[in-house]
Structure formats: C-alpha cells, structure tokens
Amino acid sequence: MHSGIKSKVLMERISVKKWEIQIEQKLFYSLRAMLDGVEAGEITMGYVDKWLAHRGYRLNWENYDLEKVLTH
C-alpha cells in the first residue's frame, strides 16, 4: 500500500515538473514573439517589461542582446 502512495507522489512530482517546463516554453515563445514585435516597431520594451512583471519575471537589460535572445 505504501508503494502505491509513493508512486502517486512521484507521478505528481513528474506531472508538476512537466507542467512547469511547458509553462516556461510557452513563456519563452511568447517573449520571443513580443521581441520580434519590438524589433518590428509594433510594441515597446515597456510593454514587454510590464507583461513579464505581471508574470513574476524580468529581463536583465544590462546583459540584454536582442539578437541573441531572438536566435535562441
């Protein structure tokens, strides 16, 4: 019986980790699309900052390289 509980906990941890990875991937692709918009002059970096801050993230602008971000 205990092995079933351990198995369930392990499955939940794997599911949570998989979910976190999917969220990070979606965030990355959303950010990349927005940076494409910035490069095209369609949106501002201020908008990107606000969008990220709303989700609890921020870019380190001191080490920011638009071309590098867009190619990864």
C-alpha atoms as a PDB file:
ATOM      1  CA  MET A   1       0.000   0.000   0.000  1.00  0.00           C
ATOM      2  CA  HIS A   2       2.814   2.395   0.810  1.00  0.00           C
ATOM      3  CA  SER A   3       4.476   1.809  -2.554  1.00  0.00           C
ATOM      4  CA  GLY A   4       1.257   2.939  -4.243  1.00  0.00           C
ATOM      5  CA  ILE A   5       1.320   6.187  -2.285  1.00  0.00           C
ATOM      6  CA  LYS A   6       4.992   6.760  -3.137  1.00  0.00           C
ATOM      7  CA  SER A   7       4.251   6.027  -6.784  1.00  0.00           C
ATOM      8  CA  LYS A   8       1.399   8.538  -6.805  1.00  0.00           C
ATOM      9  CA  VAL A   9       3.572  11.220  -5.196  1.00  0.00           C
ATOM     10  CA  LEU A  10       6.327  10.555  -7.721  1.00  0.00           C
ATOM     11  CA  MET A  11       3.822  10.775 -10.579  1.00  0.00           C
ATOM     12  CA  GLU A  12       2.515  14.077  -9.213  1.00  0.00           C
ATOM     13  CA  ARG A  13       6.050  15.468  -8.999  1.00  0.00           C
ATOM     14  CA  ILE A  14       6.764  14.417 -12.566  1.00  0.00           C
ATOM     15  CA  SER A  15       3.470  15.951 -13.712  1.00  0.00           C
ATOM     16  CA  VAL A  16       4.203  19.223 -11.908  1.00  0.00           C
ATOM     17  CA  LYS A  17       7.717  19.372 -13.388  1.00  0.00           C
ATOM     18  CA  LYS A  18       6.341  18.651 -16.868  1.00  0.00           C
ATOM     19  CA  TRP A  19       3.740  21.381 -16.368  1.00  0.00           C
ATOM     20  CA  GLU A  20       6.430  23.844 -15.234  1.00  0.00           C
ATOM     21  CA  ILE A  21       8.519  23.063 -18.307  1.00  0.00           C
ATOM     22  CA  GLN A  22       5.501  23.602 -20.579  1.00  0.00           C
ATOM     23  CA  ILE A  23       4.792  26.964 -18.915  1.00  0.00           C
ATOM     24  CA  GLU A  24       8.439  28.012 -19.338  1.00  0.00           C
ATOM     25  CA  GLN A  25       8.351  27.009 -23.013  1.00  0.00           C
ATOM     26  CA  LYS A  26       5.143  28.966 -23.601  1.00  0.00           C
ATOM     27  CA  LEU A  27       6.626  31.961 -21.782  1.00  0.00           C
ATOM     28  CA  PHE A  28       9.772  31.747 -23.910  1.00  0.00           C
ATOM     29  CA  TYR A  29       7.826  31.603 -27.181  1.00  0.00           C
ATOM     30  CA  SER A  30       5.536  34.439 -26.082  1.00  0.00           C
ATOM     31  CA  LEU A  31       8.560  36.528 -25.127  1.00  0.00           C
ATOM     32  CA  ARG A  32      10.286  35.736 -28.388  1.00  0.00           C
ATOM     33  CA  ALA A  33       7.178  36.777 -30.345  1.00  0.00           C
ATOM     34  CA  MET A  34       6.985  40.032 -28.391  1.00  0.00           C
ATOM     35  CA  LEU A  35      10.663  40.757 -29.003  1.00  0.00           C
ATOM     36  CA  ASP A  36      10.031  40.204 -32.711  1.00  0.00           C
ATOM     37  CA  GLY A  37       7.276  42.822 -32.329  1.00  0.00           C
ATOM     38  CA  VAL A  38       9.698  45.200 -30.607  1.00  0.00           C
ATOM     39  CA  GLU A  39      12.226  44.747 -33.387  1.00  0.00           C
ATOM     40  CA  ALA A  40       9.495  45.478 -35.947  1.00  0.00           C
ATOM     41  CA  GLY A  41       8.464  48.597 -34.002  1.00  0.00           C
ATOM     42  CA  GLU A  42       4.991  47.219 -33.233  1.00  0.00           C
ATOM     43  CA  ILE A  43       5.286  47.174 -29.422  1.00  0.00           C
ATOM     44  CA  THR A  44       7.581  48.820 -26.890  1.00  0.00           C
ATOM     45  CA  MET A  45      10.070  47.342 -24.457  1.00  0.00           C
ATOM     46  CA  GLY A  46       7.976  48.917 -21.689  1.00  0.00           C
ATOM     47  CA  TYR A  47       5.077  46.685 -22.708  1.00  0.00           C
ATOM     48  CA  VAL A  48       7.355  43.636 -22.583  1.00  0.00           C
ATOM     49  CA  ASP A  49       8.581  44.650 -19.114  1.00  0.00           C
ATOM     50  CA  LYS A  50       5.017  45.022 -17.825  1.00  0.00           C
ATOM     51  CA  TRP A  51       3.948  41.711 -19.373  1.00  0.00           C
ATOM     52  CA  LEU A  52       6.849  39.887 -17.725  1.00  0.00           C
ATOM     53  CA  ALA A  53       6.415  41.654 -14.381  1.00  0.00           C
ATOM     54  CA  HIS A  54       2.755  40.610 -14.310  1.00  0.00           C
ATOM     55  CA  ARG A  55       4.002  37.016 -14.515  1.00  0.00           C
ATOM     56  CA  GLY A  56       6.748  37.499 -11.920  1.00  0.00           C
ATOM     57  CA  TYR A  57       9.686  37.740 -14.346  1.00  0.00           C
ATOM     58  CA  ARG A  58      12.008  40.436 -15.569  1.00  0.00           C
ATOM     59  CA  LEU A  59      14.757  40.749 -18.158  1.00  0.00           C
ATOM     60  CA  ASN A  60      18.228  41.820 -17.143  1.00  0.00           C
ATOM     61  CA  TRP A  61      18.591  44.743 -19.543  1.00  0.00           C
ATOM     62  CA  GLU A  62      22.279  45.250 -18.669  1.00  0.00           C
ATOM     63  CA  ASN A  63      23.118  41.941 -20.340  1.00  0.00           C
ATOM     64  CA  TYR A  64      20.340  42.129 -22.897  1.00  0.00           C
ATOM     65  CA  ASP A  65      21.150  41.325 -26.508  1.00  0.00           C
ATOM     66  CA  LEU A  66      18.048  41.290 -28.728  1.00  0.00           C
ATOM     67  CA  GLU A  67      19.727  39.314 -31.494  1.00  0.00           C
ATOM     68  CA  LYS A  68      20.975  36.667 -29.059  1.00  0.00           C
ATOM     69  CA  VAL A  69      17.539  36.292 -27.445  1.00  0.00           C
ATOM     70  CA  LEU A  70      15.815  36.029 -30.802  1.00  0.00           C
ATOM     71  CA  THR A  71      18.181  33.337 -32.083  1.00  0.00           C
ATOM     72  CA  HIS A  72      17.837  31.002 -29.079  1.00  0.00           C
END
